[in-house]
Amino acid sequence: MTTAVFKRILLKISGEALAATQGFGVDPFRIHEIAAELADVRSLGVEIAIVVGGGNFFRGVAEQAKEMDRVSADHMGMLATVINGMAMQAGLEKIGVFTRLQSAIKMEQIVPQATDGAA
């Protein structure tokens, strides 16, 4: 049996990685692929924290976003990050990996707000 070198890891997954060859959005096949790899790592006893990006959304609407004010564009990026996190959560939980999605943006109906020491 393989022994893990680390007890905990932090993984950053870009929005582009979730889009795969589509260029923007979320590719369900890619989500499944990443979730399966993470489940393998988790089965070694490794605790995994994931930071998911939202850049793929912004690139998908870059032409429209040119005329948008910066605050609105930033909010769209933050929402895209939550959407990507929800997609990754769904992929992981579908294969039996418990997850907890957190966000600094208040949207309690969708995801609990992250607080200091919430881990």
PDB file of N, CA and C in Angstrom:
ATOM      1  N   MET A   1       0.840  -1.189   0.000  1.00  0.00           N
ATOM      2  CA  MET A   1       0.000   0.000   0.000  1.00  0.00           C
ATOM      3  C   MET A   1       0.879   1.245   0.000  1.00  0.00           C
ATOM      4  N   THR A   2       0.488   2.229  -0.774  1.00  0.00           N
ATOM      5  CA  THR A   2       1.215   3.480  -0.860  1.00  0.00           C
ATOM      6  C   THR A   2       0.966   4.315   0.392  1.00  0.00           C
ATOM      7  N   THR A   3       2.028   4.944   0.904  1.00  0.00           N
ATOM      8  CA  THR A   3       1.918   5.810   2.066  1.00  0.00           C
ATOM      9  C   THR A   3       2.047   7.257   1.612  1.00  0.00           C
ATOM     10  N   ALA A   4       1.164   8.112   2.094  1.00  0.00           N
ATOM     11  CA  ALA A   4       1.197   9.524   1.725  1.00  0.00           C
ATOM     12  C   ALA A   4       2.363  10.222   2.406  1.00  0.00           C
ATOM     13  N   VAL A   5       2.988  11.129   1.678  1.00  0.00           N
ATOM     14  CA  VAL A   5       4.088  11.921   2.227  1.00  0.00           C
ATOM     15  C   VAL A   5       3.542  13.046   3.102  1.00  0.00           C
ATOM     16  N   PHE A   6       2.373  13.592   2.725  1.00  0.00           N
ATOM     17  CA  PHE A   6       1.779  14.703   3.446  1.00  0.00           C
ATOM     18  C   PHE A   6       0.447  14.285   4.048  1.00  0.00           C
ATOM     19  N   LYS A   7       0.127  14.874   5.198  1.00  0.00           N
ATOM     20  CA  LYS A   7      -1.157  14.614   5.849  1.00  0.00           C
ATOM     21  C   LYS A   7      -2.254  15.499   5.253  1.00  0.00           C
ATOM     22  N   ARG A   8      -1.877  16.725   4.892  1.00  0.00           N
ATOM     23  CA  ARG A   8      -2.821  17.690   4.318  1.00  0.00           C
ATOM     24  C   ARG A   8      -2.186  18.376   3.125  1.00  0.00           C
ATOM     25  N   ILE A   9      -3.033  18.671   2.126  1.00  0.00           N
ATOM     26  CA  ILE A   9      -2.536  19.428   0.979  1.00  0.00           C
ATOM     27  C   ILE A   9      -3.544  20.512   0.614  1.00  0.00           C
ATOM     28  N   LEU A  10      -3.050  21.541  -0.061  1.00  0.00           N
ATOM     29  CA  LEU A  10      -3.875  22.605  -0.606  1.00  0.00           C
ATOM     30  C   LEU A  10      -3.687  22.568  -2.113  1.00  0.00           C
ATOM     31  N   LEU A  11      -4.787  22.447  -2.841  1.00  0.00           N
ATOM     32  CA  LEU A  11      -4.744  22.361  -4.289  1.00  0.00           C
ATOM     33  C   LEU A  11      -5.492  23.536  -4.881  1.00  0.00           C
ATOM     34  N   LYS A  12      -4.880  24.240  -5.822  1.00  0.00           N
ATOM     35  CA  LYS A  12      -5.540  25.331  -6.551  1.00  0.00           C
ATOM     36  C   LYS A  12      -5.927  24.788  -7.916  1.00  0.00           C
ATOM     37  N   ILE A  13      -7.217  24.830  -8.227  1.00  0.00           N
ATOM     38  CA  ILE A  13      -7.711  24.398  -9.526  1.00  0.00           C
ATOM     39  C   ILE A  13      -8.248  25.626 -10.246  1.00  0.00           C
ATOM     40  N   SER A  14      -7.674  25.940 -11.372  1.00  0.00           N
ATOM     41  CA  SER A  14      -8.113  27.118 -12.117  1.00  0.00           C
ATOM     42  C   SER A  14      -9.451  26.855 -12.793  1.00  0.00           C
ATOM     43  N   GLY A  15     -10.172  27.918 -13.051  1.00  0.00           N
ATOM     44  CA  GLY A  15     -11.407  27.795 -13.809  1.00  0.00           C
ATOM     45  C   GLY A  15     -11.153  27.202 -15.181  1.00  0.00           C
ATOM     46  N   GLU A  16     -10.020  27.536 -15.767  1.00  0.00           N
ATOM     47  CA  GLU A  16      -9.670  27.007 -17.082  1.00  0.00           C
ATOM     48  C   GLU A  16      -9.510  25.487 -17.052  1.00  0.00           C
ATOM     49  N   ALA A  17      -8.982  24.953 -15.947  1.00  0.00           N
ATOM     50  CA  ALA A  17      -8.809  23.501 -15.832  1.00  0.00           C
ATOM     51  C   ALA A  17     -10.167  22.801 -15.814  1.00  0.00           C
ATOM     52  N   LEU A  18     -11.171  23.430 -15.227  1.00  0.00           N
ATOM     53  CA  LEU A  18     -12.504  22.836 -15.176  1.00  0.00           C
ATOM     54  C   LEU A  18     -13.214  22.920 -16.519  1.00  0.00           C
ATOM     55  N   ALA A  19     -12.822  23.876 -17.336  1.00  0.00           N
ATOM     56  CA  ALA A  19     -13.437  24.041 -18.653  1.00  0.00           C
ATOM     57  C   ALA A  19     -12.866  23.055 -19.665  1.00  0.00           C
ATOM     58  N   ALA A  20     -11.657  22.552 -19.403  1.00  0.00           N
ATOM     59  CA  ALA A  20     -10.962  21.644 -20.321  1.00  0.00           C
ATOM     60  C   ALA A  20     -10.866  22.283 -21.704  1.00  0.00           C
ATOM     61  N   THR A  21     -11.221  21.564 -22.734  1.00  0.00           N
ATOM     62  CA  THR A  21     -11.049  22.076 -24.100  1.00  0.00           C
ATOM     63  C   THR A  21     -12.158  23.038 -24.525  1.00  0.00           C
ATOM     64  N   GLN A  22     -13.205  23.175 -23.699  1.00  0.00           N
ATOM     65  CA  GLN A  22     -14.305  24.086 -24.038  1.00  0.00           C
ATOM     66  C   GLN A  22     -13.861  25.545 -24.019  1.00  0.00           C
ATOM     67  N   GLY A  23     -12.867  25.880 -23.205  1.00  0.00           N
ATOM     68  CA  GLY A  23     -12.391  27.251 -23.091  1.00  0.00           C
ATOM     69  C   GLY A  23     -13.102  28.059 -22.023  1.00  0.00           C
ATOM     70  N   PHE A  24     -14.362  27.770 -21.748  1.00  0.00           N
ATOM     71  CA  PHE A  24     -15.097  28.427 -20.672  1.00  0.00           C
ATOM     72  C   PHE A  24     -16.214  27.504 -20.236  1.00  0.00           C
ATOM     73  N   GLY A  25     -16.814  27.814 -19.079  1.00  0.00           N
ATOM     74  CA  GLY A  25     -17.850  26.947 -18.534  1.00  0.00           C
ATOM     75  C   GLY A  25     -17.231  25.796 -17.757  1.00  0.00           C
ATOM     76  N   VAL A  26     -18.014  24.755 -17.541  1.00  0.00           N
ATOM     77  CA  VAL A  26     -17.564  23.589 -16.783  1.00  0.00           C
ATOM     78  C   VAL A  26     -17.782  22.346 -17.639  1.00  0.00           C
ATOM     79  N   ASP A  27     -16.731  21.579 -17.818  1.00  0.00           N
ATOM     80  CA  ASP A  27     -16.807  20.329 -18.579  1.00  0.00           C
ATOM     81  C   ASP A  27     -17.074  19.190 -17.596  1.00  0.00           C
ATOM     82  N   PRO A  28     -18.259  18.569 -17.634  1.00  0.00           N
ATOM     83  CA  PRO A  28     -18.594  17.508 -16.679  1.00  0.00           C
ATOM     84  C   PRO A  28     -17.603  16.343 -16.705  1.00  0.00           C
ATOM     85  N   PHE A  29     -17.077  16.004 -17.871  1.00  0.00           N
ATOM     86  CA  PHE A  29     -16.097  14.921 -17.954  1.00  0.00           C
ATOM     87  C   PHE A  29     -14.832  15.297 -17.187  1.00  0.00           C
ATOM     88  N   ARG A  30     -14.399  16.543 -17.320  1.00  0.00           N
ATOM     89  CA  ARG A  30     -13.190  17.009 -16.611  1.00  0.00           C
ATOM     90  C   ARG A  30     -13.429  17.025 -15.110  1.00  0.00           C
ATOM     91  N   ILE A  31     -14.620  17.442 -14.677  1.00  0.00           N
ATOM     92  CA  ILE A  31     -14.957  17.423 -13.253  1.00  0.00           C
ATOM     93  C   ILE A  31     -14.844  15.997 -12.728  1.00  0.00           C
ATOM     94  N   HIS A  32     -15.399  15.039 -13.460  1.00  0.00           N
ATOM     95  CA  HIS A  32     -15.345  13.634 -13.054  1.00  0.00           C
ATOM     96  C   HIS A  32     -13.894  13.145 -12.967  1.00  0.00           C
ATOM     97  N   GLU A  33     -13.093  13.527 -13.944  1.00  0.00           N
ATOM     98  CA  GLU A  33     -11.679  13.133 -13.968  1.00  0.00           C
ATOM     99  C   GLU A  33     -10.929  13.646 -12.735  1.00  0.00           C
ATOM    100  N   ILE A  34     -11.094  14.923 -12.454  1.00  0.00           N
ATOM    101  CA  ILE A  34     -10.417  15.535 -11.304  1.00  0.00           C
ATOM    102  C   ILE A  34     -10.934  14.930 -10.004  1.00  0.00           C
ATOM    103  N   ALA A  35     -12.247  14.751  -9.899  1.00  0.00           N
ATOM    104  CA  ALA A  35     -12.836  14.173  -8.683  1.00  0.00           C
ATOM    105  C   ALA A  35     -12.286  12.773  -8.426  1.00  0.00           C
ATOM    106  N   ALA A  36     -12.147  11.966  -9.460  1.00  0.00           N
ATOM    107  CA  ALA A  36     -11.617  10.608  -9.299  1.00  0.00           C
ATOM    108  C   ALA A  36     -10.175  10.634  -8.803  1.00  0.00           C
ATOM    109  N   GLU A  37      -9.367  11.546  -9.350  1.00  0.00           N
ATOM    110  CA  GLU A  37      -7.977  11.664  -8.896  1.00  0.00           C
ATOM    111  C   GLU A  37      -7.916  12.112  -7.436  1.00  0.00           C
ATOM    112  N   LEU A  38      -8.771  13.065  -7.065  1.00  0.00           N
ATOM    113  CA  LEU A  38      -8.795  13.537  -5.683  1.00  0.00           C
ATOM    114  C   LEU A  38      -9.270  12.441  -4.732  1.00  0.00           C
ATOM    115  N   ALA A  39     -10.224  11.635  -5.168  1.00  0.00           N
ATOM    116  CA  ALA A  39     -10.702  10.518  -4.340  1.00  0.00           C
ATOM    117  C   ALA A  39      -9.568   9.525  -4.090  1.00  0.00           C
ATOM    118  N   ASP A  40      -8.738   9.295  -5.099  1.00  0.00           N
ATOM    119  CA  ASP A  40      -7.586   8.402  -4.929  1.00  0.00           C
ATOM    120  C   ASP A  40      -6.623   8.947  -3.874  1.00  0.00           C
ATOM    121  N   VAL A  41      -6.364  10.249  -3.941  1.00  0.00           N
ATOM    122  CA  VAL A  41      -5.471  10.871  -2.953  1.00  0.00           C
ATOM    123  C   VAL A  41      -6.103  10.813  -1.573  1.00  0.00           C
ATOM    124  N   ARG A  42      -7.402  11.089  -1.502  1.00  0.00           N
ATOM    125  CA  ARG A  42      -8.116  11.053  -0.212  1.00  0.00           C
ATOM    126  C   ARG A  42      -8.072   9.658   0.403  1.00  0.00           C
ATOM    127  N   SER A  43      -8.118   8.625  -0.446  1.00  0.00           N
ATOM    128  CA  SER A  43      -8.104   7.247   0.055  1.00  0.00           C
ATOM    129  C   SER A  43      -6.780   6.896   0.737  1.00  0.00           C
ATOM    130  N   LEU A  44      -5.754   7.706   0.516  1.00  0.00           N
ATOM    131  CA  LEU A  44      -4.470   7.513   1.192  1.00  0.00           C
ATOM    132  C   LEU A  44      -4.462   8.150   2.578  1.00  0.00           C
ATOM    133  N   GLY A  45      -5.567   8.793   2.949  1.00  0.00           N
ATOM    134  CA  GLY A  45      -5.651   9.448   4.253  1.00  0.00           C
ATOM    135  C   GLY A  45      -5.257  10.915   4.220  1.00  0.00           C
ATOM    136  N   VAL A  46      -5.105  11.462   3.034  1.00  0.00           N
ATOM    137  CA  VAL A  46      -4.693  12.861   2.895  1.00  0.00           C
ATOM    138  C   VAL A  46      -5.928  13.749   2.950  1.00  0.00           C
ATOM    139  N   GLU A  47      -5.864  14.788   3.794  1.00  0.00           N
ATOM    140  CA  GLU A  47      -6.917  15.799   3.849  1.00  0.00           C
ATOM    141  C   GLU A  47      -6.627  16.818   2.755  1.00  0.00           C
ATOM    142  N   ILE A  48      -7.644  17.195   1.995  1.00  0.00           N
ATOM    143  CA  ILE A  48      -7.447  18.064   0.842  1.00  0.00           C
ATOM    144  C   ILE A  48      -8.301  19.317   0.967  1.00  0.00           C
ATOM    145  N   ALA A  49      -7.667  20.463   0.847  1.00  0.00           N
ATOM    146  CA  ALA A  49      -8.383  21.732   0.722  1.00  0.00           C
ATOM    147  C   ALA A  49      -8.194  22.174  -0.725  1.00  0.00           C
ATOM    148  N   ILE A  50      -9.270  22.625  -1.338  1.00  0.00           N
ATOM    149  CA  ILE A  50      -9.214  23.028  -2.744  1.00  0.00           C
ATOM    150  C   ILE A  50      -9.643  24.479  -2.866  1.00  0.00           C
ATOM    151  N   VAL A  51      -8.867  25.251  -3.593  1.00  0.00           N
ATOM    152  CA  VAL A  51      -9.235  26.612  -3.948  1.00  0.00           C
ATOM    153  C   VAL A  51      -9.556  26.563  -5.437  1.00  0.00           C
ATOM    154  N   VAL A  52     -10.792  26.933  -5.763  1.00  0.00           N
ATOM    155  CA  VAL A  52     -11.245  26.861  -7.153  1.00  0.00           C
ATOM    156  C   VAL A  52     -11.303  28.268  -7.730  1.00  0.00           C
ATOM    157  N   GLY A  53     -10.837  28.420  -8.955  1.00  0.00           N
ATOM    158  CA  GLY A  53     -10.872  29.709  -9.633  1.00  0.00           C
ATOM    159  C   GLY A  53     -12.145  29.899 -10.433  1.00  0.00           C
ATOM    160  N   GLY A  54     -12.353  31.114 -10.910  1.00  0.00           N
ATOM    161  CA  GLY A  54     -13.524  31.419 -11.720  1.00  0.00           C
ATOM    162  C   GLY A  54     -13.182  32.102 -13.023  1.00  0.00           C
ATOM    163  N   GLY A  55     -11.914  32.085 -13.392  1.00  0.00           N
ATOM    164  CA  GLY A  55     -11.465  32.787 -14.591  1.00  0.00           C
ATOM    165  C   GLY A  55     -12.107  32.324 -15.869  1.00  0.00           C
ATOM    166  N   ASN A  56     -12.512  31.073 -15.925  1.00  0.00           N
ATOM    167  CA  ASN A  56     -13.107  30.571 -17.160  1.00  0.00           C
ATOM    168  C   ASN A  56     -14.390  31.307 -17.512  1.00  0.00           C
ATOM    169  N   PHE A  57     -15.157  31.719 -16.522  1.00  0.00           N
ATOM    170  CA  PHE A  57     -16.388  32.445 -16.798  1.00  0.00           C
ATOM    171  C   PHE A  57     -16.075  33.802 -17.411  1.00  0.00           C
ATOM    172  N   PHE A  58     -15.151  34.515 -16.809  1.00  0.00           N
ATOM    173  CA  PHE A  58     -14.831  35.851 -17.287  1.00  0.00           C
ATOM    174  C   PHE A  58     -14.311  35.804 -18.714  1.00  0.00           C
ATOM    175  N   ARG A  59     -13.482  34.811 -19.039  1.00  0.00           N
ATOM    176  CA  ARG A  59     -12.991  34.684 -20.393  1.00  0.00           C
ATOM    177  C   ARG A  59     -14.123  34.354 -21.368  1.00  0.00           C
ATOM    178  N   GLY A  60     -15.137  33.665 -20.896  1.00  0.00           N
ATOM    179  CA  GLY A  60     -16.264  33.323 -21.747  1.00  0.00           C
ATOM    180  C   GLY A  60     -17.118  34.517 -22.127  1.00  0.00           C
ATOM    181  N   VAL A  61     -17.084  35.562 -21.303  1.00  0.00           N
ATOM    182  CA  VAL A  61     -17.883  36.752 -21.588  1.00  0.00           C
ATOM    183  C   VAL A  61     -16.995  37.994 -21.671  1.00  0.00           C
ATOM    184  N   ALA A  62     -15.733  37.808 -22.010  1.00  0.00           N
ATOM    185  CA  ALA A  62     -14.776  38.915 -21.996  1.00  0.00           C
ATOM    186  C   ALA A  62     -15.218  40.083 -22.872  1.00  0.00           C
ATOM    187  N   GLU A  63     -15.778  39.807 -24.040  1.00  0.00           N
ATOM    188  CA  GLU A  63     -16.211  40.888 -24.933  1.00  0.00           C
ATOM    189  C   GLU A  63     -17.302  41.728 -24.288  1.00  0.00           C
ATOM    190  N   GLN A  64     -18.285  41.068 -23.673  1.00  0.00           N
ATOM    191  CA  GLN A  64     -19.368  41.796 -23.017  1.00  0.00           C
ATOM    192  C   GLN A  64     -18.878  42.538 -21.780  1.00  0.00           C
ATOM    193  N   ALA A  65     -17.895  41.984 -21.097  1.00  0.00           N
ATOM    194  CA  ALA A  65     -17.413  42.560 -19.842  1.00  0.00           C
ATOM    195  C   ALA A  65     -16.582  43.821 -20.053  1.00  0.00           C
ATOM    196  N   LYS A  66     -16.139  44.085 -21.271  1.00  0.00           N
ATOM    197  CA  LYS A  66     -15.325  45.278 -21.527  1.00  0.00           C
ATOM    198  C   LYS A  66     -16.041  46.563 -21.128  1.00  0.00           C
ATOM    199  N   GLU A  67     -17.332  46.604 -21.314  1.00  0.00           N
ATOM    200  CA  GLU A  67     -18.102  47.817 -21.018  1.00  0.00           C
ATOM    201  C   GLU A  67     -18.640  47.836 -19.588  1.00  0.00           C
ATOM    202  N   MET A  68     -18.305  46.834 -18.802  1.00  0.00           N
ATOM    203  CA  MET A  68     -18.839  46.708 -17.447  1.00  0.00           C
ATOM    204  C   MET A  68     -17.909  47.409 -16.442  1.00  0.00           C
ATOM    205  N   ASP A  69     -18.495  47.961 -15.374  1.00  0.00           N
ATOM    206  CA  ASP A  69     -17.634  48.570 -14.363  1.00  0.00           C
ATOM    207  C   ASP A  69     -16.889  47.469 -13.595  1.00  0.00           C
ATOM    208  N   ARG A  70     -15.772  47.838 -13.012  1.00  0.00           N
ATOM    209  CA  ARG A  70     -14.862  46.886 -12.375  1.00  0.00           C
ATOM    210  C   ARG A  70     -15.531  46.108 -11.238  1.00  0.00           C
ATOM    211  N   VAL A  71     -16.318  46.771 -10.407  1.00  0.00           N
ATOM    212  CA  VAL A  71     -16.955  46.106  -9.271  1.00  0.00           C
ATOM    213  C   VAL A  71     -17.913  45.023  -9.762  1.00  0.00           C
ATOM    214  N   SER A  72     -18.724  45.331 -10.753  1.00  0.00           N
ATOM    215  CA  SER A  72     -19.645  44.324 -11.298  1.00  0.00           C
ATOM    216  C   SER A  72     -18.887  43.151 -11.893  1.00  0.00           C
ATOM    217  N   ALA A  73     -17.820  43.448 -12.627  1.00  0.00           N
ATOM    218  CA  ALA A  73     -17.014  42.377 -13.224  1.00  0.00           C
ATOM    219  C   ALA A  73     -16.380  41.508 -12.139  1.00  0.00           C
ATOM    220  N   ASP A  74     -15.891  42.125 -11.070  1.00  0.00           N
ATOM    221  CA  ASP A  74     -15.305  41.357  -9.961  1.00  0.00           C
ATOM    222  C   ASP A  74     -16.360  40.481  -9.287  1.00  0.00           C
ATOM    223  N   HIS A  75     -17.569  41.018  -9.104  1.00  0.00           N
ATOM    224  CA  HIS A  75     -18.642  40.224  -8.504  1.00  0.00           C
ATOM    225  C   HIS A  75     -18.998  39.034  -9.391  1.00  0.00           C
ATOM    226  N   MET A  76     -19.016  39.239 -10.693  1.00  0.00           N
ATOM    227  CA  MET A  76     -19.288  38.128 -11.615  1.00  0.00           C
ATOM    228  C   MET A  76     -18.223  37.051 -11.478  1.00  0.00           C
ATOM    229  N   GLY A  77     -16.969  37.465 -11.354  1.00  0.00           N
ATOM    230  CA  GLY A  77     -15.884  36.501 -11.175  1.00  0.00           C
ATOM    231  C   GLY A  77     -16.026  35.717  -9.875  1.00  0.00           C
ATOM    232  N   MET A  78     -16.444  36.408  -8.804  1.00  0.00           N
ATOM    233  CA  MET A  78     -16.632  35.721  -7.523  1.00  0.00           C
ATOM    234  C   MET A  78     -17.782  34.724  -7.605  1.00  0.00           C
ATOM    235  N   LEU A  79     -18.848  35.087  -8.276  1.00  0.00           N
ATOM    236  CA  LEU A  79     -19.971  34.165  -8.449  1.00  0.00           C
ATOM    237  C   LEU A  79     -19.556  32.975  -9.312  1.00  0.00           C
ATOM    238  N   ALA A  80     -18.758  33.230 -10.337  1.00  0.00           N
ATOM    239  CA  ALA A  80     -18.257  32.135 -11.176  1.00  0.00           C
ATOM    240  C   ALA A  80     -17.405  31.174 -10.355  1.00  0.00           C
ATOM    241  N   THR A  81     -16.652  31.708  -9.413  1.00  0.00           N
ATOM    242  CA  THR A  81     -15.844  30.869  -8.535  1.00  0.00           C
ATOM    243  C   THR A  81     -16.734  29.955  -7.699  1.00  0.00           C
ATOM    244  N   VAL A  82     -17.827  30.496  -7.179  1.00  0.00           N
ATOM    245  CA  VAL A  82     -18.761  29.678  -6.398  1.00  0.00           C
ATOM    246  C   VAL A  82     -19.401  28.619  -7.292  1.00  0.00           C
ATOM    247  N   ILE A  83     -19.780  28.987  -8.499  1.00  0.00           N
ATOM    248  CA  ILE A  83     -20.363  28.019  -9.437  1.00  0.00           C
ATOM    249  C   ILE A  83     -19.374  26.883  -9.697  1.00  0.00           C
ATOM    250  N   ASN A  84     -18.124  27.216  -9.942  1.00  0.00           N
ATOM    251  CA  ASN A  84     -17.104  26.186 -10.170  1.00  0.00           C
ATOM    252  C   ASN A  84     -16.915  25.322  -8.925  1.00  0.00           C
ATOM    253  N   GLY A  85     -16.955  25.945  -7.754  1.00  0.00           N
ATOM    254  CA  GLY A  85     -16.847  25.176  -6.511  1.00  0.00           C
ATOM    255  C   GLY A  85     -18.012  24.223  -6.338  1.00  0.00           C
ATOM    256  N   MET A  86     -19.208  24.670  -6.696  1.00  0.00           N
ATOM    257  CA  MET A  86     -20.384  23.799  -6.610  1.00  0.00           C
ATOM    258  C   MET A  86     -20.266  22.632  -7.583  1.00  0.00           C
ATOM    259  N   ALA A  87     -19.736  22.880  -8.773  1.00  0.00           N
ATOM    260  CA  ALA A  87     -19.551  21.800  -9.748  1.00  0.00           C
ATOM    261  C   ALA A  87     -18.545  20.777  -9.230  1.00  0.00           C
ATOM    262  N   MET A  88     -17.456  21.267  -8.637  1.00  0.00           N
ATOM    263  CA  MET A  88     -16.438  20.354  -8.095  1.00  0.00           C
ATOM    264  C   MET A  88     -17.009  19.582  -6.914  1.00  0.00           C
ATOM    265  N   GLN A  89     -17.774  20.249  -6.065  1.00  0.00           N
ATOM    266  CA  GLN A  89     -18.419  19.590  -4.925  1.00  0.00           C
ATOM    267  C   GLN A  89     -19.355  18.483  -5.410  1.00  0.00           C
ATOM    268  N   ALA A  90     -20.161  18.777  -6.410  1.00  0.00           N
ATOM    269  CA  ALA A  90     -21.099  17.781  -6.939  1.00  0.00           C
ATOM    270  C   ALA A  90     -20.354  16.570  -7.487  1.00  0.00           C
ATOM    271  N   GLY A  91     -19.258  16.821  -8.207  1.00  0.00           N
ATOM    272  CA  GLY A  91     -18.470  15.718  -8.754  1.00  0.00           C
ATOM    273  C   GLY A  91     -17.871  14.842  -7.670  1.00  0.00           C
ATOM    274  N   LEU A  92     -17.368  15.457  -6.616  1.00  0.00           N
ATOM    275  CA  LEU A  92     -16.764  14.701  -5.516  1.00  0.00           C
ATOM    276  C   LEU A  92     -17.811  13.934  -4.718  1.00  0.00           C
ATOM    277  N   GLU A  93     -18.916  14.584  -4.404  1.00  0.00           N
ATOM    278  CA  GLU A  93     -19.936  13.913  -3.593  1.00  0.00           C
ATOM    279  C   GLU A  93     -20.632  12.801  -4.370  1.00  0.00           C
ATOM    280  N   LYS A  94     -20.687  12.920  -5.680  1.00  0.00           N
ATOM    281  CA  LYS A  94     -21.279  11.862  -6.506  1.00  0.00           C
ATOM    282  C   LYS A  94     -20.513  10.548  -6.365  1.00  0.00           C
ATOM    283  N   ILE A  95     -19.213  10.647  -6.075  1.00  0.00           N
ATOM    284  CA  ILE A  95     -18.407   9.429  -5.911  1.00  0.00           C
ATOM    285  C   ILE A  95     -18.100   9.147  -4.442  1.00  0.00           C
ATOM    286  N   GLY A  96     -18.851   9.785  -3.547  1.00  0.00           N
ATOM    287  CA  GLY A  96     -18.767   9.450  -2.135  1.00  0.00           C
ATOM    288  C   GLY A  96     -17.727  10.192  -1.321  1.00  0.00           C
ATOM    289  N   VAL A  97     -17.182  11.282  -1.849  1.00  0.00           N
ATOM    290  CA  VAL A  97     -16.206  12.071  -1.092  1.00  0.00           C
ATOM    291  C   VAL A  97     -16.943  13.231  -0.426  1.00  0.00           C
ATOM    292  N   PHE A  98     -16.958  13.255   0.911  1.00  0.00           N
ATOM    293  CA  PHE A  98     -17.614  14.326   1.658  1.00  0.00           C
ATOM    294  C   PHE A  98     -16.897  15.640   1.387  1.00  0.00           C
ATOM    295  N   THR A  99     -17.661  16.702   1.192  1.00  0.00           N
ATOM    296  CA  THR A  99     -17.074  18.024   0.954  1.00  0.00           C
ATOM    297  C   THR A  99     -17.797  19.069   1.781  1.00  0.00           C
ATOM    298  N   ARG A 100     -17.143  20.220   1.894  1.00  0.00           N
ATOM    299  CA  ARG A 100     -17.790  21.402   2.462  1.00  0.00           C
ATOM    300  C   ARG A 100     -17.332  22.582   1.624  1.00  0.00           C
ATOM    301  N   LEU A 101     -18.271  23.215   0.968  1.00  0.00           N
ATOM    302  CA  LEU A 101     -17.987  24.378   0.137  1.00  0.00           C
ATOM    303  C   LEU A 101     -18.178  25.626   0.976  1.00  0.00           C
ATOM    304  N   GLN A 102     -17.216  26.547   0.911  1.00  0.00           N
ATOM    305  CA  GLN A 102     -17.320  27.785   1.675  1.00  0.00           C
ATOM    306  C   GLN A 102     -17.058  28.975   0.767  1.00  0.00           C
ATOM    307  N   SER A 103     -17.628  30.107   1.157  1.00  0.00           N
ATOM    308  CA  SER A 103     -17.456  31.339   0.395  1.00  0.00           C
ATOM    309  C   SER A 103     -17.440  32.525   1.343  1.00  0.00           C
ATOM    310  N   ALA A 104     -16.723  33.561   0.956  1.00  0.00           N
ATOM    311  CA  ALA A 104     -16.726  34.804   1.728  1.00  0.00           C
ATOM    312  C   ALA A 104     -17.934  35.661   1.363  1.00  0.00           C
ATOM    313  N   ILE A 105     -18.617  35.311   0.273  1.00  0.00           N
ATOM    314  CA  ILE A 105     -19.806  36.033  -0.155  1.00  0.00           C
ATOM    315  C   ILE A 105     -21.019  35.444   0.559  1.00  0.00           C
ATOM    316  N   LYS A 106     -21.859  36.283   1.139  1.00  0.00           N
ATOM    317  CA  LYS A 106     -23.041  35.790   1.831  1.00  0.00           C
ATOM    318  C   LYS A 106     -24.039  35.242   0.816  1.00  0.00           C
ATOM    319  N   MET A 107     -24.303  33.961   0.917  1.00  0.00           N
ATOM    320  CA  MET A 107     -25.327  33.287   0.112  1.00  0.00           C
ATOM    321  C   MET A 107     -25.683  31.993   0.825  1.00  0.00           C
ATOM    322  N   GLU A 108     -26.171  32.139   2.060  1.00  0.00           N
ATOM    323  CA  GLU A 108     -26.402  31.008   2.946  1.00  0.00           C
ATOM    324  C   GLU A 108     -27.311  29.927   2.366  1.00  0.00           C
ATOM    325  N   GLN A 109     -28.212  30.293   1.458  1.00  0.00           N
ATOM    326  CA  GLN A 109     -29.095  29.288   0.877  1.00  0.00           C
ATOM    327  C   GLN A 109     -28.318  28.311  -0.016  1.00  0.00           C
ATOM    328  N   ILE A 110     -27.155  28.746  -0.480  1.00  0.00           N
ATOM    329  CA  ILE A 110     -26.370  27.938  -1.413  1.00  0.00           C
ATOM    330  C   ILE A 110     -25.136  27.344  -0.750  1.00  0.00           C
ATOM    331  N   VAL A 111     -24.381  28.183  -0.007  1.00  0.00           N
ATOM    332  CA  VAL A 111     -23.114  27.765   0.585  1.00  0.00           C
ATOM    333  C   VAL A 111     -22.902  28.522   1.894  1.00  0.00           C
ATOM    334  N   PRO A 112     -22.479  27.836   2.972  1.00  0.00           N
ATOM    335  CA  PRO A 112     -22.239  28.554   4.223  1.00  0.00           C
ATOM    336  C   PRO A 112     -21.101  29.560   4.069  1.00  0.00           C
ATOM    337  N   GLN A 113     -21.218  30.672   4.754  1.00  0.00           N
ATOM    338  CA  GLN A 113     -20.173  31.683   4.686  1.00  0.00           C
ATOM    339  C   GLN A 113     -18.963  31.209   5.473  1.00  0.00           C
ATOM    340  N   ALA A 114     -17.777  31.372   4.895  1.00  0.00           N
ATOM    341  CA  ALA A 114     -16.541  31.036   5.588  1.00  0.00           C
ATOM    342  C   ALA A 114     -16.318  32.044   6.706  1.00  0.00           C
ATOM    343  N   THR A 115     -15.860  31.552   7.854  1.00  0.00           N
ATOM    344  CA  THR A 115     -15.547  32.414   8.980  1.00  0.00           C
ATOM    345  C   THR A 115     -14.151  32.073   9.460  1.00  0.00           C
ATOM    346  N   ASP A 116     -13.565  32.936  10.248  1.00  0.00           N
ATOM    347  CA  ASP A 116     -12.248  32.645  10.823  1.00  0.00           C
ATOM    348  C   ASP A 116     -12.319  31.382  11.650  1.00  0.00           C
ATOM    349  N   GLY A 117     -11.392  30.463  11.406  1.00  0.00           N
ATOM    350  CA  GLY A 117     -11.322  29.230  12.164  1.00  0.00           C
ATOM    351  C   GLY A 117     -12.430  28.243  11.823  1.00  0.00           C
ATOM    352  N   ALA A 118     -12.997  28.345  10.628  1.00  0.00           N
ATOM    353  CA  ALA A 118     -14.137  27.505  10.254  1.00  0.00           C
ATOM    354  C   ALA A 118     -13.753  26.081   9.850  1.00  0.00           C
ATOM    355  N   ALA A 119     -12.493  25.783   9.759  1.00  0.00           N
ATOM    356  CA  ALA A 119     -12.083  24.465   9.250  1.00  0.00           C
ATOM    357  C   ALA A 119     -12.415  23.338  10.146  1.00  0.00           C
TER     358      ALA A 119
END
